[in-house]
N, C-alpha and C. Protein backbone atom coordinates (compact mmCIF):
# COMPACT_ATOMS: atom_id res chain seq x y z
N MET A 1 -32.10 -22.22 11.56
CA MET A 1 -32.52 -21.89 10.21
C MET A 1 -31.37 -22.10 9.23
N VAL A 2 -30.21 -21.53 9.54
CA VAL A 2 -29.06 -21.69 8.65
C VAL A 2 -28.67 -23.15 8.56
N TYR A 3 -28.71 -23.85 9.70
CA TYR A 3 -28.38 -25.28 9.70
C TYR A 3 -29.32 -26.04 8.79
N ALA A 4 -30.63 -25.76 8.88
CA ALA A 4 -31.61 -26.46 8.05
C ALA A 4 -31.35 -26.19 6.58
N LEU A 5 -31.08 -24.95 6.22
CA LEU A 5 -30.80 -24.63 4.82
C LEU A 5 -29.52 -25.31 4.36
N THR A 6 -28.50 -25.32 5.21
CA THR A 6 -27.24 -25.97 4.86
C THR A 6 -27.46 -27.46 4.67
N ARG A 7 -28.23 -28.07 5.57
CA ARG A 7 -28.49 -29.49 5.49
C ARG A 7 -29.23 -29.83 4.20
N ILE A 8 -30.25 -29.04 3.86
CA ILE A 8 -31.00 -29.27 2.63
C ILE A 8 -30.09 -29.11 1.43
N THR A 9 -29.29 -28.08 1.43
CA THR A 9 -28.38 -27.84 0.32
C THR A 9 -27.40 -28.99 0.18
N MET A 10 -26.85 -29.46 1.29
CA MET A 10 -25.90 -30.57 1.26
C MET A 10 -26.59 -31.84 0.74
N GLU A 11 -27.82 -32.09 1.19
CA GLU A 11 -28.55 -33.27 0.72
C GLU A 11 -28.78 -33.18 -0.79
N ASN A 12 -29.12 -32.00 -1.28
CA ASN A 12 -29.30 -31.82 -2.72
C ASN A 12 -28.00 -32.05 -3.47
N GLN A 13 -26.90 -31.56 -2.92
CA GLN A 13 -25.61 -31.76 -3.58
C GLN A 13 -25.23 -33.23 -3.60
N ILE A 14 -25.49 -33.94 -2.51
CA ILE A 14 -25.18 -35.37 -2.46
C ILE A 14 -26.00 -36.12 -3.51
N ARG A 15 -27.30 -35.79 -3.60
CA ARG A 15 -28.14 -36.42 -4.62
C ARG A 15 -27.63 -36.11 -6.02
N LEU A 16 -27.29 -34.83 -6.26
CA LEU A 16 -26.77 -34.42 -7.55
C LEU A 16 -25.49 -35.17 -7.87
N TYR A 17 -24.61 -35.26 -6.90
CA TYR A 17 -23.34 -35.95 -7.10
C TYR A 17 -23.58 -37.43 -7.42
N HIS A 18 -24.49 -38.06 -6.69
CA HIS A 18 -24.80 -39.46 -6.92
C HIS A 18 -25.36 -39.67 -8.32
N ASP A 19 -26.32 -38.84 -8.71
CA ASP A 19 -26.92 -38.98 -10.04
C ASP A 19 -25.90 -38.74 -11.14
N ALA A 20 -25.10 -37.72 -10.97
CA ALA A 20 -24.09 -37.40 -11.98
C ALA A 20 -23.05 -38.51 -12.07
N THR A 21 -22.68 -39.06 -10.94
CA THR A 21 -21.69 -40.14 -10.93
C THR A 21 -22.24 -41.35 -11.68
N ALA A 22 -23.49 -41.69 -11.42
CA ALA A 22 -24.10 -42.83 -12.10
C ALA A 22 -24.12 -42.61 -13.62
N LEU A 23 -24.46 -41.41 -14.05
CA LEU A 23 -24.49 -41.11 -15.48
C LEU A 23 -23.09 -41.12 -16.08
N LEU A 24 -22.17 -40.51 -15.39
CA LEU A 24 -20.82 -40.37 -15.94
C LEU A 24 -20.04 -41.67 -15.96
N LEU A 25 -20.36 -42.58 -15.09
CA LEU A 25 -19.67 -43.87 -15.09
C LEU A 25 -19.95 -44.62 -16.38
N GLU A 26 -21.09 -44.34 -16.97
CA GLU A 26 -21.42 -44.96 -18.24
C GLU A 26 -20.64 -44.31 -19.38
N LYS A 27 -20.05 -43.13 -19.12
CA LYS A 27 -19.35 -42.39 -20.16
C LYS A 27 -17.85 -42.45 -19.92
N ASP A 28 -17.25 -41.31 -19.92
CA ASP A 28 -15.80 -41.16 -19.87
C ASP A 28 -15.37 -40.85 -18.44
N LEU A 29 -14.35 -41.52 -17.94
CA LEU A 29 -13.86 -41.25 -16.60
C LEU A 29 -13.26 -39.85 -16.49
N GLY A 30 -12.79 -39.29 -17.59
CA GLY A 30 -12.29 -37.92 -17.61
C GLY A 30 -13.39 -36.93 -17.27
N GLU A 31 -14.59 -37.19 -17.76
CA GLU A 31 -15.73 -36.33 -17.44
C GLU A 31 -16.05 -36.41 -15.95
N LEU A 32 -15.97 -37.61 -15.39
CA LEU A 32 -16.21 -37.79 -13.96
C LEU A 32 -15.19 -37.02 -13.14
N LYS A 33 -13.93 -37.06 -13.55
CA LYS A 33 -12.88 -36.34 -12.83
C LYS A 33 -13.12 -34.83 -12.90
N ARG A 34 -13.48 -34.32 -14.08
CA ARG A 34 -13.76 -32.88 -14.22
C ARG A 34 -14.96 -32.47 -13.36
N PHE A 35 -15.99 -33.29 -13.34
CA PHE A 35 -17.16 -33.01 -12.52
C PHE A 35 -16.78 -32.98 -11.04
N ASP A 36 -16.00 -33.97 -10.61
CA ASP A 36 -15.57 -34.05 -9.22
C ASP A 36 -14.75 -32.82 -8.83
N GLU A 37 -13.86 -32.38 -9.71
CA GLU A 37 -13.05 -31.19 -9.43
C GLU A 37 -13.93 -29.94 -9.34
N ALA A 38 -14.90 -29.81 -10.22
CA ALA A 38 -15.81 -28.66 -10.19
C ALA A 38 -16.63 -28.66 -8.90
N LEU A 39 -17.12 -29.83 -8.51
CA LEU A 39 -17.91 -29.93 -7.28
C LEU A 39 -17.04 -29.61 -6.06
N SER A 40 -15.80 -30.08 -6.06
CA SER A 40 -14.88 -29.79 -4.95
C SER A 40 -14.62 -28.29 -4.83
N LYS A 41 -14.44 -27.63 -5.95
CA LYS A 41 -14.22 -26.18 -5.92
C LYS A 41 -15.44 -25.45 -5.37
N ARG A 42 -16.63 -25.89 -5.76
CA ARG A 42 -17.85 -25.27 -5.25
C ARG A 42 -17.96 -25.47 -3.74
N TYR A 43 -17.63 -26.68 -3.28
CA TYR A 43 -17.69 -26.97 -1.84
C TYR A 43 -16.71 -26.08 -1.09
N GLU A 44 -15.47 -26.02 -1.58
CA GLU A 44 -14.44 -25.21 -0.91
C GLU A 44 -14.84 -23.74 -0.87
N ALA A 45 -15.40 -23.23 -1.97
CA ALA A 45 -15.83 -21.83 -2.01
C ALA A 45 -16.96 -21.59 -1.00
N GLY A 46 -17.91 -22.51 -0.94
CA GLY A 46 -19.02 -22.38 0.00
C GLY A 46 -18.56 -22.47 1.45
N TYR A 47 -17.63 -23.38 1.71
CA TYR A 47 -17.09 -23.52 3.06
C TYR A 47 -16.37 -22.25 3.48
N ALA A 48 -15.54 -21.72 2.58
CA ALA A 48 -14.80 -20.48 2.88
C ALA A 48 -15.76 -19.32 3.13
N ARG A 49 -16.81 -19.22 2.31
CA ARG A 49 -17.78 -18.15 2.48
C ARG A 49 -18.50 -18.29 3.83
N GLY A 50 -18.90 -19.52 4.17
CA GLY A 50 -19.57 -19.75 5.44
C GLY A 50 -18.67 -19.44 6.63
N TRP A 51 -17.41 -19.83 6.54
CA TRP A 51 -16.45 -19.55 7.61
C TRP A 51 -16.27 -18.05 7.78
N THR A 52 -16.13 -17.34 6.69
CA THR A 52 -15.94 -15.89 6.73
C THR A 52 -17.16 -15.20 7.35
N GLU A 53 -18.36 -15.63 6.95
CA GLU A 53 -19.58 -15.03 7.49
C GLU A 53 -19.72 -15.32 8.99
N ALA A 54 -19.43 -16.55 9.40
CA ALA A 54 -19.52 -16.90 10.82
C ALA A 54 -18.49 -16.14 11.64
N LYS A 55 -17.29 -16.02 11.12
CA LYS A 55 -16.24 -15.29 11.84
C LYS A 55 -16.64 -13.83 12.00
N ALA A 56 -17.16 -13.23 10.94
CA ALA A 56 -17.58 -11.83 11.00
C ALA A 56 -18.70 -11.63 12.02
N LYS A 57 -19.57 -12.61 12.15
CA LYS A 57 -20.71 -12.48 13.05
C LYS A 57 -20.35 -12.79 14.50
N TYR A 58 -19.51 -13.78 14.75
CA TYR A 58 -19.29 -14.27 16.10
C TYR A 58 -17.92 -13.95 16.71
N CYS A 59 -16.95 -13.59 15.93
CA CYS A 59 -15.61 -13.33 16.45
C CYS A 59 -15.56 -11.93 17.08
N VAL A 60 -15.12 -11.87 18.33
CA VAL A 60 -15.00 -10.59 19.03
C VAL A 60 -13.58 -10.10 18.86
N THR A 61 -13.45 -8.87 18.42
CA THR A 61 -12.13 -8.31 18.14
C THR A 61 -12.02 -6.90 18.70
N TYR A 62 -10.80 -6.45 18.80
CA TYR A 62 -10.54 -5.04 19.08
C TYR A 62 -9.26 -4.68 18.35
N TYR A 63 -9.03 -3.40 18.22
CA TYR A 63 -7.87 -2.95 17.47
C TYR A 63 -6.72 -2.61 18.40
N CYS A 64 -5.53 -3.00 18.01
CA CYS A 64 -4.32 -2.66 18.74
C CYS A 64 -4.17 -1.14 18.72
N SER A 65 -3.91 -0.56 19.88
CA SER A 65 -3.80 0.89 19.97
C SER A 65 -2.51 1.41 19.34
N VAL A 66 -1.57 0.52 19.06
CA VAL A 66 -0.28 0.94 18.48
C VAL A 66 -0.30 0.82 16.96
N CYS A 67 -0.57 -0.39 16.46
CA CYS A 67 -0.48 -0.60 15.00
C CYS A 67 -1.84 -0.55 14.31
N GLY A 68 -2.91 -0.64 15.08
CA GLY A 68 -4.25 -0.63 14.49
C GLY A 68 -4.69 -2.00 13.98
N GLY A 69 -3.84 -3.03 14.14
CA GLY A 69 -4.18 -4.38 13.69
C GLY A 69 -5.25 -5.02 14.56
N MET A 70 -5.92 -6.00 14.00
CA MET A 70 -7.02 -6.68 14.67
C MET A 70 -6.49 -7.72 15.65
N ILE A 71 -7.08 -7.77 16.85
CA ILE A 71 -6.79 -8.79 17.85
C ILE A 71 -8.10 -9.53 18.09
N GLU A 72 -8.06 -10.87 17.99
CA GLU A 72 -9.24 -11.69 18.18
C GLU A 72 -9.24 -12.30 19.58
N LEU A 73 -10.40 -12.28 20.23
CA LEU A 73 -10.56 -12.87 21.55
C LEU A 73 -11.28 -14.20 21.42
N ASP A 74 -10.86 -15.20 22.21
CA ASP A 74 -11.39 -16.54 22.04
C ASP A 74 -12.43 -16.96 23.06
N SER A 75 -12.20 -16.73 24.34
CA SER A 75 -13.12 -17.25 25.37
C SER A 75 -14.20 -16.23 25.73
N ASP A 76 -15.26 -16.73 26.30
CA ASP A 76 -16.34 -15.85 26.74
C ASP A 76 -15.88 -14.89 27.83
N ASN A 77 -15.03 -15.38 28.73
CA ASN A 77 -14.50 -14.51 29.78
C ASN A 77 -13.71 -13.35 29.19
N GLU A 78 -12.87 -13.65 28.22
CA GLU A 78 -12.10 -12.58 27.56
C GLU A 78 -13.04 -11.59 26.88
N LYS A 79 -14.02 -12.11 26.20
CA LYS A 79 -14.96 -11.25 25.49
C LYS A 79 -15.66 -10.29 26.43
N ALA A 80 -16.04 -10.80 27.59
CA ALA A 80 -16.76 -9.96 28.55
C ALA A 80 -15.85 -8.92 29.21
N ALA A 81 -14.62 -9.31 29.55
CA ALA A 81 -13.76 -8.44 30.34
C ALA A 81 -12.85 -7.53 29.53
N VAL A 82 -12.37 -8.00 28.42
CA VAL A 82 -11.27 -7.34 27.73
C VAL A 82 -11.70 -6.28 26.72
N LYS A 83 -12.77 -6.51 26.02
CA LYS A 83 -13.14 -5.64 24.91
C LYS A 83 -13.11 -4.15 25.27
N GLY A 84 -13.85 -3.77 26.28
CA GLY A 84 -13.87 -2.36 26.67
C GLY A 84 -12.61 -1.93 27.39
N TYR A 85 -12.09 -2.80 28.24
CA TYR A 85 -10.92 -2.46 29.05
C TYR A 85 -9.69 -2.15 28.20
N MET A 86 -9.44 -2.99 27.22
CA MET A 86 -8.24 -2.80 26.37
C MET A 86 -8.26 -1.45 25.67
N LYS A 87 -9.37 -1.11 25.10
CA LYS A 87 -9.47 0.16 24.38
C LYS A 87 -9.31 1.35 25.34
N GLU A 88 -9.98 1.28 26.46
CA GLU A 88 -9.91 2.38 27.44
C GLU A 88 -8.50 2.59 27.98
N ASN A 89 -7.73 1.53 28.08
CA ASN A 89 -6.41 1.62 28.69
C ASN A 89 -5.25 1.58 27.69
N GLY A 90 -5.55 1.64 26.41
CA GLY A 90 -4.50 1.73 25.39
C GLY A 90 -3.64 0.49 25.23
N TRP A 91 -4.19 -0.68 25.47
CA TRP A 91 -3.41 -1.91 25.31
C TRP A 91 -3.29 -2.26 23.84
N GLY A 92 -2.28 -3.07 23.49
CA GLY A 92 -2.09 -3.51 22.11
C GLY A 92 -1.30 -4.80 22.06
N HIS A 93 -0.88 -5.18 20.86
CA HIS A 93 -0.02 -6.34 20.70
C HIS A 93 1.25 -6.12 21.51
N SER A 94 1.74 -7.16 22.18
CA SER A 94 2.93 -7.01 23.00
C SER A 94 4.13 -6.57 22.15
N LYS A 95 4.26 -7.12 20.94
CA LYS A 95 5.39 -6.72 20.09
C LYS A 95 5.28 -5.25 19.66
N CYS A 96 4.06 -4.76 19.50
CA CYS A 96 3.86 -3.37 19.11
C CYS A 96 4.22 -2.44 20.29
N VAL A 97 3.79 -2.81 21.49
CA VAL A 97 4.05 -2.00 22.66
C VAL A 97 5.54 -1.94 22.94
N LYS A 98 6.23 -3.10 22.85
CA LYS A 98 7.67 -3.14 23.07
C LYS A 98 8.41 -2.29 22.06
N ARG A 99 8.00 -2.37 20.82
CA ARG A 99 8.67 -1.67 19.74
C ARG A 99 8.48 -0.16 19.83
N HIS A 100 7.29 0.27 20.23
CA HIS A 100 6.96 1.70 20.24
C HIS A 100 6.88 2.29 21.65
N GLY A 101 7.19 1.45 22.65
CA GLY A 101 7.30 1.76 24.03
C GLY A 101 6.50 2.79 24.63
């Protein structure tokens, strides 16, 4: 569902960009540059928002028992084995454990 909406949105943006480019080429190249910069900013903002939402939904994390900072787990095996174990056994960042022994 999200992919379909993203694809439709991207197709609309490509069409918009094409139409605007065709119109602006008849005018001032400065206008084309401003339009391109505005579109790039919108793309970057959308990409960042999508990345943040995906990370919040799919990234498995736990908190360091020493500093309280977030630790992210990458593999499925880690996700299955570590999440509960680390918290139960008071594990944390290695630098935090060494520092606070």
